Amino acid sequence: MAYVVNGNTIETDDHGYLVNHEDWSREVAEAIAQEDGVTLNQRAWDIIEYLRDEYFNNGGNQPNERNMVKHFKEFWNDASIDAKTLYECFPRGPAKQASKIAGLPETKRKGGY
């Protein structure tokens, strides 16, 4: 599988995750999201940026959904944030699907908690 973005072929593994994380850009994220049927609103971009920051600036950390909920309650200053809020942005799982769109490796975690 591969994505074609701005005339460039972006290689992926069998699950659609980027082979080379350096190929990632916002345009690549849009292409992956479109393929997955996801619309990237501001909250989705916040999640993507958080996951990328955690991975690249925190020793390869890939937060689970519980940690993501905790972070976004504070980040969005909204105590009502829950896993459902994250699933509204990434219906196939905020940790896995958002990581894919963020150009990160596939997490091997099974669940959100």
N, C-alpha and C. Protein backbone atom coordinates (compact mmCIF):
# COMPACT_ATOMS: atom_id res chain seq x y z
N MET A 1 0.85 -1.17 0.00
CA MET A 1 0.00 0.00 0.00
C MET A 1 0.90 1.24 0.00
N ALA A 2 0.42 2.28 -0.62
CA ALA A 2 1.15 3.56 -0.65
C ALA A 2 0.15 4.68 -0.86
N TYR A 3 0.56 5.87 -0.48
CA TYR A 3 -0.23 7.07 -0.72
C TYR A 3 0.54 7.92 -1.73
N VAL A 4 -0.19 8.58 -2.61
CA VAL A 4 0.43 9.53 -3.53
C VAL A 4 0.00 10.92 -3.09
N VAL A 5 0.99 11.73 -2.71
CA VAL A 5 0.73 13.08 -2.20
C VAL A 5 1.64 14.05 -2.95
N ASN A 6 1.02 15.01 -3.62
CA ASN A 6 1.78 16.01 -4.39
C ASN A 6 2.75 15.35 -5.36
N GLY A 7 2.33 14.26 -5.97
CA GLY A 7 3.14 13.56 -6.96
C GLY A 7 4.19 12.64 -6.37
N ASN A 8 4.30 12.57 -5.06
CA ASN A 8 5.27 11.69 -4.40
C ASN A 8 4.57 10.45 -3.87
N THR A 9 5.20 9.31 -4.03
CA THR A 9 4.67 8.07 -3.49
C THR A 9 5.21 7.88 -2.09
N ILE A 10 4.31 7.73 -1.14
CA ILE A 10 4.65 7.55 0.27
C ILE A 10 4.42 6.09 0.63
N GLU A 11 5.48 5.39 0.94
CA GLU A 11 5.41 3.95 1.23
C GLU A 11 4.82 3.69 2.61
N THR A 12 4.01 2.63 2.70
CA THR A 12 3.42 2.21 3.97
C THR A 12 3.60 0.71 4.16
N ASP A 13 3.34 0.26 5.37
CA ASP A 13 3.34 -1.18 5.62
C ASP A 13 1.98 -1.74 5.22
N ASP A 14 1.76 -2.99 5.51
CA ASP A 14 0.50 -3.65 5.12
C ASP A 14 -0.73 -3.07 5.80
N HIS A 15 -0.55 -2.35 6.91
CA HIS A 15 -1.68 -1.77 7.64
C HIS A 15 -1.87 -0.29 7.35
N GLY A 16 -1.06 0.27 6.46
CA GLY A 16 -1.20 1.67 6.08
C GLY A 16 -0.39 2.64 6.91
N TYR A 17 0.48 2.15 7.78
CA TYR A 17 1.36 3.01 8.58
C TYR A 17 2.60 3.35 7.75
N LEU A 18 3.09 4.57 7.90
CA LEU A 18 4.25 5.01 7.14
C LEU A 18 5.47 4.14 7.45
N VAL A 19 6.20 3.79 6.40
CA VAL A 19 7.45 3.05 6.57
C VAL A 19 8.52 4.00 7.11
N ASN A 20 8.54 5.23 6.61
CA ASN A 20 9.52 6.23 7.03
C ASN A 20 8.78 7.42 7.62
N HIS A 21 8.89 7.63 8.93
CA HIS A 21 8.15 8.72 9.58
C HIS A 21 8.56 10.09 9.04
N GLU A 22 9.71 10.20 8.42
CA GLU A 22 10.15 11.47 7.86
C GLU A 22 9.35 11.87 6.61
N ASP A 23 8.57 10.93 6.06
CA ASP A 23 7.71 11.24 4.92
C ASP A 23 6.45 11.99 5.34
N TRP A 24 6.20 12.08 6.65
CA TRP A 24 4.97 12.68 7.14
C TRP A 24 4.94 14.19 6.92
N SER A 25 3.77 14.68 6.59
CA SER A 25 3.48 16.11 6.51
C SER A 25 1.98 16.25 6.75
N ARG A 26 1.51 17.47 6.88
CA ARG A 26 0.07 17.68 7.05
C ARG A 26 -0.69 17.17 5.83
N GLU A 27 -0.09 17.32 4.65
CA GLU A 27 -0.74 16.83 3.43
C GLU A 27 -0.83 15.31 3.43
N VAL A 28 0.22 14.65 3.92
CA VAL A 28 0.19 13.19 4.03
C VAL A 28 -0.88 12.78 5.05
N ALA A 29 -0.94 13.49 6.16
CA ALA A 29 -1.97 13.19 7.17
C ALA A 29 -3.36 13.32 6.56
N GLU A 30 -3.59 14.35 5.77
CA GLU A 30 -4.89 14.54 5.11
C GLU A 30 -5.20 13.37 4.18
N ALA A 31 -4.20 12.89 3.46
CA ALA A 31 -4.40 11.76 2.53
C ALA A 31 -4.76 10.49 3.30
N ILE A 32 -4.04 10.23 4.39
CA ILE A 32 -4.32 9.04 5.20
C ILE A 32 -5.72 9.15 5.80
N ALA A 33 -6.04 10.33 6.32
CA ALA A 33 -7.36 10.54 6.93
C ALA A 33 -8.47 10.34 5.90
N GLN A 34 -8.28 10.87 4.71
CA GLN A 34 -9.29 10.71 3.67
C GLN A 34 -9.48 9.23 3.33
N GLU A 35 -8.39 8.50 3.23
CA GLU A 35 -8.46 7.06 2.96
C GLU A 35 -9.22 6.33 4.07
N ASP A 36 -9.06 6.81 5.32
CA ASP A 36 -9.73 6.20 6.47
C ASP A 36 -11.13 6.77 6.72
N GLY A 37 -11.54 7.75 5.92
CA GLY A 37 -12.87 8.34 6.09
C GLY A 37 -12.97 9.27 7.29
N VAL A 38 -11.86 9.91 7.66
CA VAL A 38 -11.81 10.79 8.83
C VAL A 38 -11.67 12.24 8.38
N THR A 39 -12.47 13.11 8.97
CA THR A 39 -12.35 14.55 8.74
C THR A 39 -11.50 15.13 9.87
N LEU A 40 -10.46 15.85 9.50
CA LEU A 40 -9.55 16.40 10.50
C LEU A 40 -9.98 17.80 10.90
N ASN A 41 -10.68 17.88 12.04
CA ASN A 41 -11.06 19.18 12.60
C ASN A 41 -9.96 19.62 13.58
N GLN A 42 -10.15 20.74 14.25
CA GLN A 42 -9.10 21.24 15.15
C GLN A 42 -8.79 20.27 16.28
N ARG A 43 -9.80 19.63 16.83
CA ARG A 43 -9.53 18.67 17.91
C ARG A 43 -8.72 17.49 17.40
N ALA A 44 -9.01 17.03 16.20
CA ALA A 44 -8.25 15.93 15.61
C ALA A 44 -6.78 16.33 15.44
N TRP A 45 -6.55 17.56 14.96
CA TRP A 45 -5.17 18.04 14.82
C TRP A 45 -4.49 18.16 16.17
N ASP A 46 -5.22 18.59 17.19
CA ASP A 46 -4.65 18.66 18.54
C ASP A 46 -4.18 17.28 18.99
N ILE A 47 -4.99 16.27 18.73
CA ILE A 47 -4.64 14.89 19.11
C ILE A 47 -3.42 14.43 18.33
N ILE A 48 -3.40 14.68 17.03
CA ILE A 48 -2.26 14.30 16.19
C ILE A 48 -0.98 14.97 16.69
N GLU A 49 -1.04 16.25 16.94
CA GLU A 49 0.14 16.98 17.40
C GLU A 49 0.61 16.48 18.76
N TYR A 50 -0.33 16.15 19.64
CA TYR A 50 0.02 15.60 20.95
C TYR A 50 0.73 14.26 20.79
N LEU A 51 0.19 13.38 19.96
CA LEU A 51 0.80 12.07 19.78
C LEU A 51 2.20 12.19 19.17
N ARG A 52 2.35 13.07 18.19
CA ARG A 52 3.67 13.27 17.59
C ARG A 52 4.65 13.83 18.61
N ASP A 53 4.21 14.78 19.42
CA ASP A 53 5.09 15.35 20.43
C ASP A 53 5.51 14.29 21.45
N GLU A 54 4.56 13.50 21.91
CA GLU A 54 4.88 12.44 22.87
C GLU A 54 5.87 11.44 22.29
N TYR A 55 5.66 11.06 21.03
CA TYR A 55 6.53 10.06 20.42
C TYR A 55 7.94 10.60 20.20
N PHE A 56 8.04 11.76 19.60
CA PHE A 56 9.35 12.28 19.22
C PHE A 56 10.09 12.99 20.35
N ASN A 57 9.38 13.49 21.33
CA ASN A 57 10.03 14.26 22.41
C ASN A 57 9.93 13.59 23.77
N ASN A 58 9.42 12.36 23.80
CA ASN A 58 9.27 11.67 25.08
C ASN A 58 9.64 10.19 24.93
N GLY A 59 10.73 9.93 24.26
CA GLY A 59 11.28 8.58 24.18
C GLY A 59 10.42 7.55 23.50
N GLY A 60 9.66 7.96 22.48
CA GLY A 60 8.83 7.00 21.75
C GLY A 60 7.53 6.65 22.45
N ASN A 61 7.12 7.46 23.42
CA ASN A 61 5.89 7.21 24.16
C ASN A 61 4.68 7.25 23.22
N GLN A 62 3.82 6.26 23.34
CA GLN A 62 2.56 6.23 22.61
C GLN A 62 1.44 6.09 23.64
N PRO A 63 0.86 7.23 24.07
CA PRO A 63 -0.13 7.21 25.15
C PRO A 63 -1.35 6.35 24.84
N ASN A 64 -1.86 5.69 25.88
CA ASN A 64 -3.11 4.95 25.71
C ASN A 64 -4.28 5.94 25.84
N GLU A 65 -5.46 5.45 25.62
CA GLU A 65 -6.64 6.33 25.62
C GLU A 65 -6.89 6.97 26.99
N ARG A 66 -6.63 6.25 28.05
CA ARG A 66 -6.83 6.81 29.39
C ARG A 66 -5.93 8.04 29.58
N ASN A 67 -4.68 7.92 29.20
CA ASN A 67 -3.76 9.05 29.32
C ASN A 67 -4.13 10.18 28.37
N MET A 68 -4.64 9.84 27.20
CA MET A 68 -5.07 10.86 26.26
C MET A 68 -6.25 11.65 26.82
N VAL A 69 -7.21 10.96 27.41
CA VAL A 69 -8.37 11.63 28.01
C VAL A 69 -7.90 12.57 29.11
N LYS A 70 -7.03 12.09 29.97
CA LYS A 70 -6.51 12.91 31.06
C LYS A 70 -5.84 14.16 30.52
N HIS A 71 -5.01 14.01 29.50
CA HIS A 71 -4.31 15.15 28.91
C HIS A 71 -5.30 16.16 28.31
N PHE A 72 -6.29 15.68 27.54
CA PHE A 72 -7.17 16.60 26.83
C PHE A 72 -8.23 17.24 27.73
N LYS A 73 -8.54 16.63 28.85
CA LYS A 73 -9.40 17.32 29.84
C LYS A 73 -8.72 18.63 30.25
N GLU A 74 -7.42 18.54 30.49
CA GLU A 74 -6.67 19.72 30.90
C GLU A 74 -6.38 20.64 29.71
N PHE A 75 -5.94 20.08 28.60
CA PHE A 75 -5.55 20.87 27.43
C PHE A 75 -6.72 21.69 26.88
N TRP A 76 -7.89 21.04 26.80
CA TRP A 76 -9.08 21.72 26.29
C TRP A 76 -9.87 22.39 27.42
N ASN A 77 -9.38 22.28 28.65
CA ASN A 77 -10.04 22.87 29.81
C ASN A 77 -11.52 22.49 29.86
N ASP A 78 -11.76 21.17 29.77
CA ASP A 78 -13.13 20.66 29.70
C ASP A 78 -13.20 19.34 30.46
N ALA A 79 -13.76 19.36 31.64
CA ALA A 79 -13.84 18.17 32.48
C ALA A 79 -14.75 17.09 31.90
N SER A 80 -15.57 17.44 30.91
CA SER A 80 -16.50 16.46 30.34
C SER A 80 -15.85 15.59 29.26
N ILE A 81 -14.59 15.85 28.93
CA ILE A 81 -13.90 15.05 27.91
C ILE A 81 -13.81 13.61 28.40
N ASP A 82 -14.15 12.68 27.51
CA ASP A 82 -14.03 11.27 27.81
C ASP A 82 -13.58 10.54 26.55
N ALA A 83 -13.47 9.23 26.64
CA ALA A 83 -13.01 8.45 25.49
C ALA A 83 -13.93 8.65 24.28
N LYS A 84 -15.22 8.81 24.52
CA LYS A 84 -16.17 9.03 23.42
C LYS A 84 -15.79 10.27 22.62
N THR A 85 -15.34 11.31 23.29
CA THR A 85 -14.93 12.54 22.62
C THR A 85 -13.79 12.25 21.64
N LEU A 86 -12.83 11.43 22.08
CA LEU A 86 -11.71 11.09 21.21
C LEU A 86 -12.15 10.20 20.05
N TYR A 87 -13.08 9.28 20.33
CA TYR A 87 -13.60 8.41 19.27
C TYR A 87 -14.41 9.18 18.23
N GLU A 88 -14.96 10.31 18.61
CA GLU A 88 -15.67 11.14 17.63
C GLU A 88 -14.71 11.66 16.57
N CYS A 89 -13.47 11.88 16.95
CA CYS A 89 -12.45 12.32 15.99
C CYS A 89 -11.85 11.14 15.22
N PHE A 90 -11.66 10.03 15.91
CA PHE A 90 -11.00 8.86 15.32
C PHE A 90 -11.81 7.61 15.67
N PRO A 91 -12.84 7.30 14.86
CA PRO A 91 -13.78 6.22 15.19
C PRO A 91 -13.16 4.83 15.33
N ARG A 92 -12.01 4.59 14.70
CA ARG A 92 -11.39 3.27 14.81
C ARG A 92 -10.38 3.20 15.95
N GLY A 93 -10.43 4.17 16.81
CA GLY A 93 -9.56 4.16 17.98
C GLY A 93 -8.61 5.34 17.98
N PRO A 94 -8.75 6.20 18.96
CA PRO A 94 -7.91 7.39 18.99
C PRO A 94 -6.42 7.10 19.13
N ALA A 95 -6.05 6.04 19.81
CA ALA A 95 -4.63 5.73 19.94
C ALA A 95 -4.08 5.16 18.64
N LYS A 96 -4.77 4.21 18.05
CA LYS A 96 -4.27 3.54 16.85
C LYS A 96 -4.51 4.36 15.58
N GLN A 97 -5.73 4.75 15.32
CA GLN A 97 -6.03 5.46 14.08
C GLN A 97 -5.35 6.83 14.05
N ALA A 98 -5.36 7.54 15.15
CA ALA A 98 -4.71 8.85 15.19
C ALA A 98 -3.20 8.70 15.01
N SER A 99 -2.61 7.66 15.58
CA SER A 99 -1.17 7.42 15.39
C SER A 99 -0.84 7.15 13.93
N LYS A 100 -1.69 6.41 13.28
CA LYS A 100 -1.49 6.13 11.86
C LYS A 100 -1.51 7.43 11.06
N ILE A 101 -2.50 8.26 11.30
CA ILE A 101 -2.62 9.53 10.58
C ILE A 101 -1.47 10.47 10.96
N ALA A 102 -0.97 10.34 12.19
CA ALA A 102 0.15 11.16 12.66
C ALA A 102 1.50 10.69 12.13
N GLY A 103 1.50 9.60 11.37
CA GLY A 103 2.75 9.11 10.79
C GLY A 103 3.63 8.34 11.76
N LEU A 104 3.03 7.82 12.82
CA LEU A 104 3.78 7.10 13.84
C LEU A 104 3.67 5.59 13.61
N PRO A 105 4.57 4.82 14.23
CA PRO A 105 4.48 3.36 14.10
C PRO A 105 3.19 2.83 14.73
N GLU A 106 2.79 1.68 14.28
CA GLU A 106 1.60 1.04 14.85
C GLU A 106 1.87 0.63 16.29
N THR A 107 0.98 1.02 17.18
CA THR A 107 1.10 0.61 18.57
C THR A 107 0.63 -0.84 18.67
N LYS A 108 1.25 -1.58 19.53
CA LYS A 108 0.90 -3.00 19.71
C LYS A 108 -0.05 -3.20 20.87
N ARG A 109 -0.46 -2.08 21.51
CA ARG A 109 -1.39 -2.13 22.64
C ARG A 109 -2.74 -2.64 22.14
N LYS A 110 -3.45 -3.40 22.97
CA LYS A 110 -4.73 -3.96 22.56
C LYS A 110 -5.90 -3.06 22.87
N GLY A 111 -5.90 -2.36 23.97
CA GLY A 111 -7.07 -1.57 24.35
C GLY A 111 -6.70 -0.20 24.85
N GLY A 112 -7.72 0.56 25.18
CA GLY A 112 -7.49 1.92 25.63
C GLY A 112 -7.12 2.01 27.10
N TYR A 113 -7.40 0.99 27.87
CA TYR A 113 -7.11 1.05 29.30
C TYR A 113 -6.25 -0.12 29.68
